[in-house]
Amino acid sequence: MRFKKYYKDILSLVASLSLLASVYFANHYDIKQLYREFVGLRLKVQVQEKLIDSLEDRVNLLSDQNQELLIDLAEHNETRGKENSMLLERLQDLEYKIEVMIYEVNNII
């Protein structure tokens, strides 16, 4: 007889406990899944950070090499510029001498 009197309360309690248990296990599974995803993302971030560091080192190296090459090019242009101007003067002098020789040959004939 007592069961008949409290069966609604007992049924309500069983339903509440089963709902609570299902929510707990669902959340527990979701938390584990979220943690696994977090760990996976953290590993990906670490790999990408290492790659970024490697690329930064490479960019710095290439930047230094580029700077050295630009300095070498400027020095080369300065040296070759002087040599080229001297060669141009010599070429003009030789052209003048050839013209004089041609003129002398034409006058002899």
PDB file of N, CA and C in Angstrom:
ATOM      1  N   MET A   1       0.813  -1.177   0.000  1.00  0.00           N
ATOM      2  CA  MET A   1       0.000   0.000   0.000  1.00  0.00           C
ATOM      3  C   MET A   1       0.870   1.258   0.000  1.00  0.00           C
ATOM      4  N   ARG A   2       1.946   1.172   0.657  1.00  0.00           N
ATOM      5  CA  ARG A   2       2.812   2.341   0.647  1.00  0.00           C
ATOM      6  C   ARG A   2       3.333   2.605  -0.752  1.00  0.00           C
ATOM      7  N   PHE A   3       3.567   1.548  -1.517  1.00  0.00           N
ATOM      8  CA  PHE A   3       4.060   1.711  -2.875  1.00  0.00           C
ATOM      9  C   PHE A   3       3.068   2.484  -3.716  1.00  0.00           C
ATOM     10  N   LYS A   4       1.775   2.184  -3.549  1.00  0.00           N
ATOM     11  CA  LYS A   4       0.752   2.891  -4.306  1.00  0.00           C
ATOM     12  C   LYS A   4       0.730   4.369  -3.936  1.00  0.00           C
ATOM     13  N   LYS A   5       1.029   4.643  -2.730  1.00  0.00           N
ATOM     14  CA  LYS A   5       0.976   6.022  -2.272  1.00  0.00           C
ATOM     15  C   LYS A   5       2.153   6.831  -2.816  1.00  0.00           C
ATOM     16  N   TYR A   6       3.326   6.204  -2.895  1.00  0.00           N
ATOM     17  CA  TYR A   6       4.519   6.940  -3.301  1.00  0.00           C
ATOM     18  C   TYR A   6       5.024   6.569  -4.692  1.00  0.00           C
ATOM     19  N   TYR A   7       4.261   5.819  -5.477  1.00  0.00           N
ATOM     20  CA  TYR A   7       4.771   5.363  -6.767  1.00  0.00           C
ATOM     21  C   TYR A   7       5.051   6.536  -7.706  1.00  0.00           C
ATOM     22  N   LYS A   8       4.282   7.620  -7.617  1.00  0.00           N
ATOM     23  CA  LYS A   8       4.537   8.783  -8.473  1.00  0.00           C
ATOM     24  C   LYS A   8       5.866   9.436  -8.086  1.00  0.00           C
ATOM     25  N   ASP A   9       6.106   9.512  -6.792  1.00  0.00           N
ATOM     26  CA  ASP A   9       7.367  10.103  -6.334  1.00  0.00           C
ATOM     27  C   ASP A   9       8.560   9.223  -6.719  1.00  0.00           C
ATOM     28  N   ILE A  10       8.377   7.912  -6.564  1.00  0.00           N
ATOM     29  CA  ILE A  10       9.465   6.983  -6.909  1.00  0.00           C
ATOM     30  C   ILE A  10       9.721   7.017  -8.417  1.00  0.00           C
ATOM     31  N   LEU A  11       8.653   7.005  -9.194  1.00  0.00           N
ATOM     32  CA  LEU A  11       8.769   7.065 -10.654  1.00  0.00           C
ATOM     33  C   LEU A  11       9.430   8.375 -11.083  1.00  0.00           C
ATOM     34  N   SER A  12       9.056   9.459 -10.449  1.00  0.00           N
ATOM     35  CA  SER A  12       9.644  10.761 -10.739  1.00  0.00           C
ATOM     36  C   SER A  12      11.130  10.769 -10.375  1.00  0.00           C
ATOM     37  N   LEU A  13      11.474  10.161  -9.256  1.00  0.00           N
ATOM     38  CA  LEU A  13      12.860  10.088  -8.817  1.00  0.00           C
ATOM     39  C   LEU A  13      13.686   9.243  -9.781  1.00  0.00           C
ATOM     40  N   VAL A  14      13.149   8.096 -10.207  1.00  0.00           N
ATOM     41  CA  VAL A  14      13.856   7.226 -11.157  1.00  0.00           C
ATOM     42  C   VAL A  14      14.052   7.953 -12.484  1.00  0.00           C
ATOM     43  N   ALA A  15      13.025   8.651 -12.954  1.00  0.00           N
ATOM     44  CA  ALA A  15      13.131   9.395 -14.204  1.00  0.00           C
ATOM     45  C   ALA A  15      14.177  10.513 -14.074  1.00  0.00           C
ATOM     46  N   SER A  16      14.192  11.203 -12.964  1.00  0.00           N
ATOM     47  CA  SER A  16      15.169  12.279 -12.737  1.00  0.00           C
ATOM     48  C   SER A  16      16.586  11.732 -12.685  1.00  0.00           C
ATOM     49  N   LEU A  17      16.753  10.608 -11.988  1.00  0.00           N
ATOM     50  CA  LEU A  17      18.092  10.006 -11.899  1.00  0.00           C
ATOM     51  C   LEU A  17      18.563   9.509 -13.264  1.00  0.00           C
ATOM     52  N   SER A  18      17.665   8.896 -14.031  1.00  0.00           N
ATOM     53  CA  SER A  18      18.069   8.411 -15.357  1.00  0.00           C
ATOM     54  C   SER A  18      18.404   9.591 -16.285  1.00  0.00           C
ATOM     55  N   LEU A  19      17.638  10.677 -16.183  1.00  0.00           N
ATOM     56  CA  LEU A  19      17.937  11.872 -16.985  1.00  0.00           C
ATOM     57  C   LEU A  19      19.282  12.459 -16.562  1.00  0.00           C
ATOM     58  N   LEU A  20      19.502  12.528 -15.264  1.00  0.00           N
ATOM     59  CA  LEU A  20      20.772  13.051 -14.757  1.00  0.00           C
ATOM     60  C   LEU A  20      21.946  12.185 -15.219  1.00  0.00           C
ATOM     61  N   ALA A  21      21.785  10.885 -15.160  1.00  0.00           N
ATOM     62  CA  ALA A  21      22.850   9.973 -15.585  1.00  0.00           C
ATOM     63  C   ALA A  21      23.124  10.120 -17.084  1.00  0.00           C
ATOM     64  N   SER A  22      22.064  10.212 -17.894  1.00  0.00           N
ATOM     65  CA  SER A  22      22.276  10.353 -19.337  1.00  0.00           C
ATOM     66  C   SER A  22      22.964  11.679 -19.674  1.00  0.00           C
ATOM     67  N   VAL A  23      22.591  12.765 -18.984  1.00  0.00           N
ATOM     68  CA  VAL A  23      23.239  14.060 -19.201  1.00  0.00           C
ATOM     69  C   VAL A  23      24.704  13.991 -18.778  1.00  0.00           C
ATOM     70  N   TYR A  24      24.954  13.345 -17.634  1.00  0.00           N
ATOM     71  CA  TYR A  24      26.325  13.218 -17.145  1.00  0.00           C
ATOM     72  C   TYR A  24      27.184  12.451 -18.138  1.00  0.00           C
ATOM     73  N   PHE A  25      26.719  11.311 -18.622  1.00  0.00           N
ATOM     74  CA  PHE A  25      27.514  10.507 -19.549  1.00  0.00           C
ATOM     75  C   PHE A  25      27.670  11.194 -20.902  1.00  0.00           C
ATOM     76  N   ALA A  26      26.659  11.901 -21.350  1.00  0.00           N
ATOM     77  CA  ALA A  26      26.771  12.646 -22.612  1.00  0.00           C
ATOM     78  C   ALA A  26      27.812  13.750 -22.478  1.00  0.00           C
ATOM     79  N   ASN A  27      27.763  14.481 -21.384  1.00  0.00           N
ATOM     80  CA  ASN A  27      28.750  15.552 -21.156  1.00  0.00           C
ATOM     81  C   ASN A  27      30.153  14.976 -20.979  1.00  0.00           C
ATOM     82  N   HIS A  28      30.228  13.855 -20.274  1.00  0.00           N
ATOM     83  CA  HIS A  28      31.526  13.222 -20.060  1.00  0.00           C
ATOM     84  C   HIS A  28      32.140  12.824 -21.400  1.00  0.00           C
ATOM     85  N   TYR A  29      31.346  12.250 -22.285  1.00  0.00           N
ATOM     86  CA  TYR A  29      31.827  11.873 -23.620  1.00  0.00           C
ATOM     87  C   TYR A  29      32.227  13.124 -24.405  1.00  0.00           C
ATOM     88  N   ASP A  30      31.427  14.183 -24.364  1.00  0.00           N
ATOM     89  CA  ASP A  30      31.735  15.418 -25.080  1.00  0.00           C
ATOM     90  C   ASP A  30      33.020  16.057 -24.569  1.00  0.00           C
ATOM     91  N   ILE A  31      33.217  16.015 -23.266  1.00  0.00           N
ATOM     92  CA  ILE A  31      34.427  16.593 -22.688  1.00  0.00           C
ATOM     93  C   ILE A  31      35.651  15.817 -23.156  1.00  0.00           C
ATOM     94  N   LYS A  32      35.563  14.497 -23.179  1.00  0.00           N
ATOM     95  CA  LYS A  32      36.683  13.690 -23.674  1.00  0.00           C
ATOM     96  C   LYS A  32      36.961  14.000 -25.140  1.00  0.00           C
ATOM     97  N   GLN A  33      35.895  14.104 -25.925  1.00  0.00           N
ATOM     98  CA  GLN A  33      36.051  14.406 -27.344  1.00  0.00           C
ATOM     99  C   GLN A  33      36.662  15.793 -27.543  1.00  0.00           C
ATOM    100  N   LEU A  34      36.199  16.758 -26.787  1.00  0.00           N
ATOM    101  CA  LEU A  34      36.751  18.104 -26.883  1.00  0.00           C
ATOM    102  C   LEU A  34      38.221  18.132 -26.466  1.00  0.00           C
ATOM    103  N   TYR A  35      38.565  17.379 -25.450  1.00  0.00           N
ATOM    104  CA  TYR A  35      39.958  17.325 -25.011  1.00  0.00           C
ATOM    105  C   TYR A  35      40.841  16.711 -26.094  1.00  0.00           C
ATOM    106  N   ARG A  36      40.355  15.636 -26.730  1.00  0.00           N
ATOM    107  CA  ARG A  36      41.120  15.024 -27.829  1.00  0.00           C
ATOM    108  C   ARG A  36      41.328  16.022 -28.961  1.00  0.00           C
ATOM    109  N   GLU A  37      40.281  16.764 -29.315  1.00  0.00           N
ATOM    110  CA  GLU A  37      40.405  17.770 -30.364  1.00  0.00           C
ATOM    111  C   GLU A  37      41.389  18.862 -29.950  1.00  0.00           C
ATOM    112  N   PHE A  38      41.332  19.260 -28.683  1.00  0.00           N
ATOM    113  CA  PHE A  38      42.244  20.289 -28.183  1.00  0.00           C
ATOM    114  C   PHE A  38      43.694  19.818 -28.283  1.00  0.00           C
ATOM    115  N   VAL A  39      43.945  18.574 -27.878  1.00  0.00           N
ATOM    116  CA  VAL A  39      45.305  18.035 -27.947  1.00  0.00           C
ATOM    117  C   VAL A  39      45.774  17.988 -29.408  1.00  0.00           C
ATOM    118  N   GLY A  40      44.909  17.551 -30.299  1.00  0.00           N
ATOM    119  CA  GLY A  40      45.264  17.507 -31.722  1.00  0.00           C
ATOM    120  C   GLY A  40      45.584  18.889 -32.263  1.00  0.00           C
ATOM    121  N   LEU A  41      44.768  19.866 -31.913  1.00  0.00           N
ATOM    122  CA  LEU A  41      45.015  21.239 -32.379  1.00  0.00           C
ATOM    123  C   LEU A  41      46.297  21.806 -31.774  1.00  0.00           C
ATOM    124  N   ARG A  42      46.544  21.486 -30.513  1.00  0.00           N
ATOM    125  CA  ARG A  42      47.768  21.976 -29.867  1.00  0.00           C
ATOM    126  C   ARG A  42      49.002  21.409 -30.571  1.00  0.00           C
ATOM    127  N   LEU A  43      48.960  20.138 -30.962  1.00  0.00           N
ATOM    128  CA  LEU A  43      50.083  19.535 -31.684  1.00  0.00           C
ATOM    129  C   LEU A  43      50.266  20.201 -33.046  1.00  0.00           C
ATOM    130  N   LYS A  44      49.155  20.477 -33.717  1.00  0.00           N
ATOM    131  CA  LYS A  44      49.250  21.158 -35.015  1.00  0.00           C
ATOM    132  C   LYS A  44      49.853  22.552 -34.859  1.00  0.00           C
ATOM    133  N   VAL A  45      49.465  23.254 -33.822  1.00  0.00           N
ATOM    134  CA  VAL A  45      50.006  24.598 -33.569  1.00  0.00           C
ATOM    135  C   VAL A  45      51.506  24.523 -33.304  1.00  0.00           C
ATOM    136  N   GLN A  46      51.941  23.537 -32.526  1.00  0.00           N
ATOM    137  CA  GLN A  46      53.371  23.394 -32.242  1.00  0.00           C
ATOM    138  C   GLN A  46      54.159  23.115 -33.515  1.00  0.00           C
ATOM    139  N   VAL A  47      53.616  22.265 -34.388  1.00  0.00           N
ATOM    140  CA  VAL A  47      54.283  21.975 -35.654  1.00  0.00           C
ATOM    141  C   VAL A  47      54.363  23.243 -36.503  1.00  0.00           C
ATOM    142  N   GLN A  48      53.278  23.998 -36.545  1.00  0.00           N
ATOM    143  CA  GLN A  48      53.270  25.223 -37.338  1.00  0.00           C
ATOM    144  C   GLN A  48      54.224  26.268 -36.759  1.00  0.00           C
ATOM    145  N   GLU A  49      54.342  26.347 -35.440  1.00  0.00           N
ATOM    146  CA  GLU A  49      55.280  27.288 -34.828  1.00  0.00           C
ATOM    147  C   GLU A  49      56.723  26.924 -35.177  1.00  0.00           C
ATOM    148  N   LYS A  50      57.035  25.621 -35.173  1.00  0.00           N
ATOM    149  CA  LYS A  50      58.374  25.194 -35.581  1.00  0.00           C
ATOM    150  C   LYS A  50      58.629  25.543 -37.041  1.00  0.00           C
ATOM    151  N   LEU A  51      57.638  25.338 -37.887  1.00  0.00           N
ATOM    152  CA  LEU A  51      57.770  25.674 -39.297  1.00  0.00           C
ATOM    153  C   LEU A  51      57.966  27.175 -39.479  1.00  0.00           C
ATOM    154  N   ILE A  52      57.228  27.973 -38.724  1.00  0.00           N
ATOM    155  CA  ILE A  52      57.363  29.430 -38.807  1.00  0.00           C
ATOM    156  C   ILE A  52      58.767  29.843 -38.375  1.00  0.00           C
ATOM    157  N   ASP A  53      59.278  29.265 -37.296  1.00  0.00           N
ATOM    158  CA  ASP A  53      60.639  29.582 -36.848  1.00  0.00           C
ATOM    159  C   ASP A  53      61.659  29.219 -37.920  1.00  0.00           C
ATOM    160  N   SER A  54      61.491  28.060 -38.528  1.00  0.00           N
ATOM    161  CA  SER A  54      62.398  27.630 -39.587  1.00  0.00           C
ATOM    162  C   SER A  54      62.342  28.595 -40.772  1.00  0.00           C
ATOM    163  N   LEU A  55      61.138  28.995 -41.142  1.00  0.00           N
ATOM    164  CA  LEU A  55      61.002  29.924 -42.266  1.00  0.00           C
ATOM    165  C   LEU A  55      61.557  31.309 -41.933  1.00  0.00           C
ATOM    166  N   GLU A  56      61.391  31.739 -40.680  1.00  0.00           N
ATOM    167  CA  GLU A  56      61.969  33.024 -40.278  1.00  0.00           C
ATOM    168  C   GLU A  56      63.491  32.979 -40.371  1.00  0.00           C
ATOM    169  N   ASP A  57      64.091  31.862 -39.944  1.00  0.00           N
ATOM    170  CA  ASP A  57      65.542  31.724 -40.047  1.00  0.00           C
ATOM    171  C   ASP A  57      65.981  31.765 -41.511  1.00  0.00           C
ATOM    172  N   ARG A  58      65.221  31.099 -42.359  1.00  0.00           N
ATOM    173  CA  ARG A  58      65.556  31.084 -43.797  1.00  0.00           C
ATOM    174  C   ARG A  58      65.415  32.473 -44.401  1.00  0.00           C
ATOM    175  N   VAL A  59      64.369  33.191 -44.033  1.00  0.00           N
ATOM    176  CA  VAL A  59      64.176  34.555 -44.538  1.00  0.00           C
ATOM    177  C   VAL A  59      65.318  35.452 -44.077  1.00  0.00           C
ATOM    178  N   ASN A  60      65.731  35.315 -42.819  1.00  0.00           N
ATOM    179  CA  ASN A  60      66.850  36.117 -42.310  1.00  0.00           C
ATOM    180  C   ASN A  60      68.137  35.803 -43.067  1.00  0.00           C
ATOM    181  N   LEU A  61      68.381  34.522 -43.321  1.00  0.00           N
ATOM    182  CA  LEU A  61      69.567  34.116 -44.064  1.00  0.00           C
ATOM    183  C   LEU A  61      69.538  34.695 -45.470  1.00  0.00           C
ATOM    184  N   LEU A  62      68.402  34.561 -46.146  1.00  0.00           N
ATOM    185  CA  LEU A  62      68.295  35.080 -47.510  1.00  0.00           C
ATOM    186  C   LEU A  62      68.393  36.598 -47.541  1.00  0.00           C
ATOM    187  N   SER A  63      67.877  37.253 -46.529  1.00  0.00           N
ATOM    188  CA  SER A  63      67.979  38.708 -46.444  1.00  0.00           C
ATOM    189  C   SER A  63      69.436  39.134 -46.299  1.00  0.00           C
ATOM    190  N   ASP A  64      70.179  38.428 -45.443  1.00  0.00           N
ATOM    191  CA  ASP A  64      71.604  38.731 -45.271  1.00  0.00           C
ATOM    192  C   ASP A  64      72.376  38.494 -46.570  1.00  0.00           C
ATOM    193  N   GLN A  65      72.086  37.380 -47.243  1.00  0.00           N
ATOM    194  CA  GLN A  65      72.752  37.098 -48.514  1.00  0.00           C
ATOM    195  C   GLN A  65      72.421  38.151 -49.556  1.00  0.00           C
ATOM    196  N   ASN A  66      71.177  38.584 -49.580  1.00  0.00           N
ATOM    197  CA  ASN A  66      70.765  39.609 -50.528  1.00  0.00           C
ATOM    198  C   ASN A  66      71.513  40.916 -50.259  1.00  0.00           C
ATOM    199  N   GLN A  67      71.646  41.273 -48.997  1.00  0.00           N
ATOM    200  CA  GLN A  67      72.359  42.504 -48.634  1.00  0.00           C
ATOM    201  C   GLN A  67      73.822  42.420 -49.072  1.00  0.00           C
ATOM    202  N   GLU A  68      74.454  41.274 -48.833  1.00  0.00           N
ATOM    203  CA  GLU A  68      75.848  41.087 -49.258  1.00  0.00           C
ATOM    204  C   GLU A  68      75.977  41.190 -50.773  1.00  0.00           C
ATOM    205  N   LEU A  69      75.050  40.582 -51.500  1.00  0.00           N
ATOM    206  CA  LEU A  69      75.093  40.638 -52.959  1.00  0.00           C
ATOM    207  C   LEU A  69      74.896  42.057 -53.474  1.00  0.00           C
ATOM    208  N   LEU A  70      74.019  42.822 -52.825  1.00  0.00           N
ATOM    209  CA  LEU A  70      73.822  44.208 -53.239  1.00  0.00           C
ATOM    210  C   LEU A  70      75.076  45.041 -53.018  1.00  0.00           C
ATOM    211  N   ILE A  71      75.773  44.796 -51.907  1.00  0.00           N
ATOM    212  CA  ILE A  71      77.033  45.506 -51.637  1.00  0.00           C
ATOM    213  C   ILE A  71      78.082  45.118 -52.678  1.00  0.00           C
ATOM    214  N   ASP A  72      78.190  43.808 -52.964  1.00  0.00           N
ATOM    215  CA  ASP A  72      79.135  43.349 -53.991  1.00  0.00           C
ATOM    216  C   ASP A  72      78.807  43.952 -55.349  1.00  0.00           C
ATOM    217  N   LEU A  73      77.524  44.023 -55.677  1.00  0.00           N
ATOM    218  CA  LEU A  73      77.114  44.592 -56.961  1.00  0.00           C
ATOM    219  C   LEU A  73      77.472  46.070 -57.047  1.00  0.00           C
ATOM    220  N   ALA A  74      77.264  46.805 -55.966  1.00  0.00           N
ATOM    221  CA  ALA A  74      77.604  48.230 -55.964  1.00  0.00           C
ATOM    222  C   ALA A  74      79.111  48.415 -56.145  1.00  0.00           C
ATOM    223  N   GLU A  75      79.903  47.606 -55.435  1.00  0.00           N
ATOM    224  CA  GLU A  75      81.364  47.682 -55.596  1.00  0.00           C
ATOM    225  C   GLU A  75      81.779  47.306 -57.010  1.00  0.00           C
ATOM    226  N   HIS A  76      81.167  46.268 -57.543  1.00  0.00           N
ATOM    227  CA  HIS A  76      81.479  45.823 -58.904  1.00  0.00           C
ATOM    228  C   HIS A  76      81.126  46.914 -59.914  1.00  0.00           C
ATOM    229  N   ASN A  77      79.955  47.524 -59.764  1.00  0.00           N
ATOM    230  CA  ASN A  77      79.554  48.587 -60.684  1.00  0.00           C
ATOM    231  C   ASN A  77      80.498  49.775 -60.606  1.00  0.00           C
ATOM    232  N   GLU A  78      80.950  50.095 -59.397  1.00  0.00           N
ATOM    233  CA  GLU A  78      81.870  51.221 -59.242  1.00  0.00           C
ATOM    234  C   GLU A  78      83.195  50.922 -59.943  1.00  0.00           C
ATOM    235  N   THR A  79      83.731  49.724 -59.711  1.00  0.00           N
ATOM    236  CA  THR A  79      85.006  49.336 -60.330  1.00  0.00           C
ATOM    237  C   THR A  79      84.856  49.230 -61.844  1.00  0.00           C
ATOM    238  N   ARG A  80      83.835  48.545 -62.293  1.00  0.00           N
ATOM    239  CA  ARG A  80      83.631  48.354 -63.734  1.00  0.00           C
ATOM    240  C   ARG A  80      83.267  49.665 -64.420  1.00  0.00           C
ATOM    241  N   GLY A  81      82.602  50.532 -63.706  1.00  0.00           N
ATOM    242  CA  GLY A  81      82.263  51.828 -64.289  1.00  0.00           C
ATOM    243  C   GLY A  81      83.512  52.619 -64.627  1.00  0.00           C
ATOM    244  N   LYS A  82      84.487  52.618 -63.739  1.00  0.00           N
ATOM    245  CA  LYS A  82      85.761  53.297 -63.993  1.00  0.00           C
ATOM    246  C   LYS A  82      86.495  52.632 -65.143  1.00  0.00           C
ATOM    247  N   GLU A  83      86.528  51.289 -65.121  1.00  0.00           N
ATOM    248  CA  GLU A  83      87.212  50.560 -66.194  1.00  0.00           C
ATOM    249  C   GLU A  83      86.538  50.809 -67.535  1.00  0.00           C
ATOM    250  N   ASN A  84      85.217  50.806 -67.550  1.00  0.00           N
ATOM    251  CA  ASN A  84      84.494  51.034 -68.798  1.00  0.00           C
ATOM    252  C   ASN A  84      84.731  52.440 -69.342  1.00  0.00           C
ATOM    253  N   SER A  85      84.772  53.439 -68.453  1.00  0.00           N
ATOM    254  CA  SER A  85      85.030  54.801 -68.939  1.00  0.00           C
ATOM    255  C   SER A  85      86.448  54.913 -69.495  1.00  0.00           C
ATOM    256  N   MET A  86      87.431  54.234 -68.872  1.00  0.00           N
ATOM    257  CA  MET A  86      88.801  54.239 -69.390  1.00  0.00           C
ATOM    258  C   MET A  86      88.863  53.534 -70.736  1.00  0.00           C
ATOM    259  N   LEU A  87      88.139  52.414 -70.874  1.00  0.00           N
ATOM    260  CA  LEU A  87      88.114  51.690 -72.143  1.00  0.00           C
ATOM    261  C   LEU A  87      87.442  52.519 -73.237  1.00  0.00           C
ATOM    262  N   LEU A  88      86.406  53.263 -72.893  1.00  0.00           N
ATOM    263  CA  LEU A  88      85.731  54.116 -73.866  1.00  0.00           C
ATOM    264  C   LEU A  88      86.677  55.219 -74.354  1.00  0.00           C
ATOM    265  N   GLU A  89      87.420  55.819 -73.431  1.00  0.00           N
ATOM    266  CA  GLU A  89      88.401  56.839 -73.829  1.00  0.00           C
ATOM    267  C   GLU A  89      89.463  56.243 -74.742  1.00  0.00           C
ATOM    268  N   ARG A  90      89.938  55.068 -74.402  1.00  0.00           N
ATOM    269  CA  ARG A  90      90.959  54.411 -75.231  1.00  0.00           C
ATOM    270  C   ARG A  90      90.398  54.066 -76.596  1.00  0.00           C
ATOM    271  N   LEU A  91      89.158  53.597 -76.632  1.00  0.00           N
ATOM    272  CA  LEU A  91      88.521  53.271 -77.909  1.00  0.00           C
ATOM    273  C   LEU A  91      88.401  54.514 -78.776  1.00  0.00           C
ATOM    274  N   GLN A  92      87.995  55.609 -78.191  1.00  0.00           N
ATOM    275  CA  GLN A  92      87.880  56.853 -78.952  1.00  0.00           C
ATOM    276  C   GLN A  92      89.255  57.297 -79.448  1.00  0.00           C
ATOM    277  N   ASP A  93      90.288  57.141 -78.629  1.00  0.00           N
ATOM    278  CA  ASP A  93      91.647  57.494 -79.044  1.00  0.00           C
ATOM    279  C   ASP A  93      92.101  56.628 -80.211  1.00  0.00           C
ATOM    280  N   LEU A  94      91.844  55.320 -80.107  1.00  0.00           N
ATOM    281  CA  LEU A  94      92.232  54.413 -81.193  1.00  0.00           C
ATOM    282  C   LEU A  94      91.450  54.703 -82.465  1.00  0.00           C
ATOM    283  N   GLU A  95      90.161  55.004 -82.360  1.00  0.00           N
ATOM    284  CA  GLU A  95      89.375  55.357 -83.543  1.00  0.00           C
ATOM    285  C   GLU A  95      89.952  56.603 -84.206  1.00  0.00           C
ATOM    286  N   TYR A  96      90.361  57.563 -83.390  1.00  0.00           N
ATOM    287  CA  TYR A  96      90.957  58.782 -83.935  1.00  0.00           C
ATOM    288  C   TYR A  96      92.258  58.454 -84.668  1.00  0.00           C
ATOM    289  N   LYS A  97      93.095  57.608 -84.068  1.00  0.00           N
ATOM    290  CA  LYS A  97      94.364  57.230 -84.689  1.00  0.00           C
ATOM    291  C   LYS A  97      94.120  56.494 -86.003  1.00  0.00           C
ATOM    292  N   ILE A  98      93.114  55.631 -86.040  1.00  0.00           N
ATOM    293  CA  ILE A  98      92.790  54.911 -87.283  1.00  0.00           C
ATOM    294  C   ILE A  98      92.339  55.882 -88.353  1.00  0.00           C
ATOM    295  N   GLU A  99      91.523  56.848 -87.996  1.00  0.00           N
ATOM    296  CA  GLU A  99      91.073  57.846 -88.966  1.00  0.00           C
ATOM    297  C   GLU A  99      92.260  58.643 -89.507  1.00  0.00           C
ATOM    298  N   VAL A 100      93.207  58.988 -88.615  1.00  0.00           N
ATOM    299  CA  VAL A 100      94.416  59.710 -89.050  1.00  0.00           C
ATOM    300  C   VAL A 100      95.221  58.851 -90.007  1.00  0.00           C
ATOM    301  N   MET A 101      95.369  57.572 -89.690  1.00  0.00           N
ATOM    302  CA  MET A 101      96.132  56.665 -90.554  1.00  0.00           C
ATOM    303  C   MET A 101      95.447  56.508 -91.901  1.00  0.00           C
ATOM    304  N   ILE A 102      94.126  56.389 -91.907  1.00  0.00           N
ATOM    305  CA  ILE A 102      93.388  56.276 -93.178  1.00  0.00           C
ATOM    306  C   ILE A 102      93.584  57.546 -94.006  1.00  0.00           C
ATOM    307  N   TYR A 103      93.539  58.682 -93.343  1.00  0.00           N
ATOM    308  CA  TYR A 103      93.712  59.956 -94.032  1.00  0.00           C
ATOM    309  C   TYR A 103      95.115  60.046 -94.640  1.00  0.00           C
ATOM    310  N   GLU A 104      96.129  59.604 -93.872  1.00  0.00           N
ATOM    311  CA  GLU A 104      97.508  59.628 -94.354  1.00  0.00           C
ATOM    312  C   GLU A 104      97.688  58.684 -95.534  1.00  0.00           C
ATOM    313  N   VAL A 105      97.079  57.485 -95.444  1.00  0.00           N
ATOM    314  CA  VAL A 105      97.170  56.531 -96.543  1.00  0.00           C
ATOM    315  C   VAL A 105      96.507  57.093 -97.794  1.00  0.00           C
ATOM    316  N   ASN A 106      95.355  57.748 -97.624  1.00  0.00           N
ATOM    317  CA  ASN A 106      94.652  58.328 -98.777  1.00  0.00           C
ATOM    318  C   ASN A 106      95.474  59.467 -99.396  1.00  0.00           C
ATOM    319  N   ASN A 107      96.191  60.210 -98.591  1.00  0.00           N
ATOM    320  CA  ASN A 107      97.013  61.304 -99.115  1.00  0.00           C
ATOM    321  C   ASN A 107      98.242  60.782 -99.823  1.00  0.00           C
ATOM    322  N   ILE A 108      98.772  59.646 -99.428  1.00  0.00           N
ATOM    323  CA  ILE A 108      99.949  59.065-100.049  1.00  0.00           C
ATOM    324  C   ILE A 108      99.587  58.522-101.429  1.00  0.00           C
ATOM    325  N   ILE A 109      98.459  57.978-101.578  1.00  0.00           N
ATOM    326  CA  ILE A 109      98.038  57.362-102.833  1.00  0.00           C
ATOM    327  C   ILE A 109      97.643  58.388-103.817  1.00  0.00           C
TER     328      ILE A 109
END
